[in-house]
Each structure stands twice: as C-alpha cells, then as structure tokens.
C-alpha cells in the first residue's frame, strides 16, 4: 500500500470536510448571523431575519432522544428474542 491513501480514507476525508462545512453554515445561520449588525446584502439579511433554524435543533432534540431510545429497545428485544 505504501504512503498512498486508500479510496476509503479519501472518501472519509471528503465526508469530514462536507460535514464541517455544513456545520459551519448552519452555525452561521443559527447563531452568528443573529449577533452581527444588519446587512445590506439581501441573502445575508434574509438569513439574519430567519427564525426557523434557531429553533429547529433545540426542538428536534426531544424527538431524537425518543428515537434513540426506541432504537436501543428494539435492538435489545431482537438480541434476546
């Protein structure tokens, strides 16, 4: 194999870069844009006025907890069946 990266390592690196990019964009839209001064750019101004993404993640957390619990419960039932 040598010093060359495998295709799985390259694919993993690409996923990591895209994940960090999407996290950065979401964090900007949800938090940072609200703390900045009003902008004259129509796209940034629309992001600053938006309230959907500020509440999306906090309100999704209870549903995520329930989904993870049901997944764990189903795995336990399957394992001991």
Protein backbone atom coordinates (compact mmCIF):
# COMPACT_ATOMS: atom_id res chain seq x y z
CA UNK A 1 0.00 0.00 0.00
CA UNK A 2 2.83 2.44 0.71
CA UNK A 3 2.18 6.03 1.58
CA UNK A 4 -0.84 6.40 -0.70
CA UNK A 5 -4.25 6.97 0.83
CA UNK A 6 -6.88 4.38 0.04
CA UNK A 7 -10.18 5.30 -1.54
CA UNK A 8 -11.92 4.73 1.80
CA UNK A 9 -9.62 7.23 3.51
CA UNK A 10 -10.22 9.78 0.77
CA UNK A 11 -13.99 9.23 0.97
CA UNK A 12 -13.86 9.63 4.75
CA UNK A 13 -11.90 12.85 4.41
CA UNK A 14 -14.46 14.17 1.90
CA UNK A 15 -17.32 13.33 4.27
CA UNK A 16 -15.49 15.05 7.10
CA UNK A 17 -14.91 18.21 5.05
CA UNK A 18 -18.55 18.35 3.89
CA UNK A 19 -19.82 17.73 7.43
CA UNK A 20 -17.68 20.52 8.84
CA UNK A 21 -18.78 22.82 6.02
CA UNK A 22 -22.47 22.15 6.64
CA UNK A 23 -21.98 22.58 10.39
CA UNK A 24 -20.25 25.92 9.79
CA UNK A 25 -23.05 27.12 7.51
CA UNK A 26 -25.73 26.06 10.00
CA UNK A 27 -23.88 27.62 12.93
CA UNK A 28 -23.58 30.87 10.99
CA UNK A 29 -27.27 30.86 10.06
CA UNK A 30 -28.47 29.91 13.55
CA UNK A 31 -26.13 31.87 15.84
CA UNK A 32 -23.52 34.14 14.31
CA UNK A 33 -25.80 35.98 11.86
CA UNK A 34 -28.09 37.00 14.72
CA UNK A 35 -25.18 38.68 16.54
CA UNK A 36 -23.94 40.67 13.54
CA UNK A 37 -25.04 44.15 12.51
CA UNK A 38 -27.82 44.33 9.88
CA UNK A 39 -26.53 43.79 6.36
CA UNK A 40 -27.46 45.42 3.06
CA UNK A 41 -26.89 42.15 1.20
CA UNK A 42 -30.36 40.61 0.55
CA UNK A 43 -29.19 37.00 1.12
CA UNK A 44 -27.43 37.73 4.41
CA UNK A 45 -30.31 39.96 5.50
CA UNK A 46 -32.78 37.11 4.85
CA UNK A 47 -30.61 34.75 6.91
CA UNK A 48 -30.49 37.28 9.75
CA UNK A 49 -34.28 37.68 9.80
CA UNK A 50 -34.96 33.94 9.63
CA UNK A 51 -36.14 32.28 12.87
CA UNK A 52 -36.67 28.71 11.62
CA UNK A 53 -33.14 27.35 12.09
CA UNK A 54 -32.75 28.97 15.52
CA UNK A 55 -35.49 26.70 16.84
CA UNK A 56 -35.01 23.63 14.61
CA UNK A 57 -32.24 21.88 16.55
CA UNK A 58 -33.43 22.60 20.11
CA UNK A 59 -36.95 21.44 19.27
CA UNK A 60 -35.65 18.34 17.46
CA UNK A 61 -33.62 17.09 20.44
CA UNK A 62 -36.58 15.54 22.36
CA UNK A 63 -37.64 13.63 19.25
CA UNK A 64 -34.05 12.47 18.77
CA UNK A 65 -33.93 11.17 22.35
CA UNK A 66 -37.16 9.21 21.81
CA UNK A 67 -35.89 7.79 18.51
CA UNK A 68 -32.59 6.68 20.07
CA UNK A 69 -34.44 5.07 22.98
CA UNK A 70 -36.73 3.11 20.63
CA UNK A 71 -33.73 2.04 18.56
CA UNK A 72 -31.98 0.76 21.70
CA UNK A 73 -35.16 -1.00 22.86
CA UNK A 74 -35.63 -2.73 19.51
CA UNK A 75 -32.01 -3.89 19.49
CA UNK A 76 -32.43 -5.33 23.00
CA UNK A 77 -35.65 -7.12 22.02
CA UNK A 78 -34.00 -8.50 18.87
CA UNK A 79 -30.91 -9.66 20.78
CA UNK A 80 -32.90 -11.51 23.45
CA UNK A 81 -35.62 -12.92 21.20
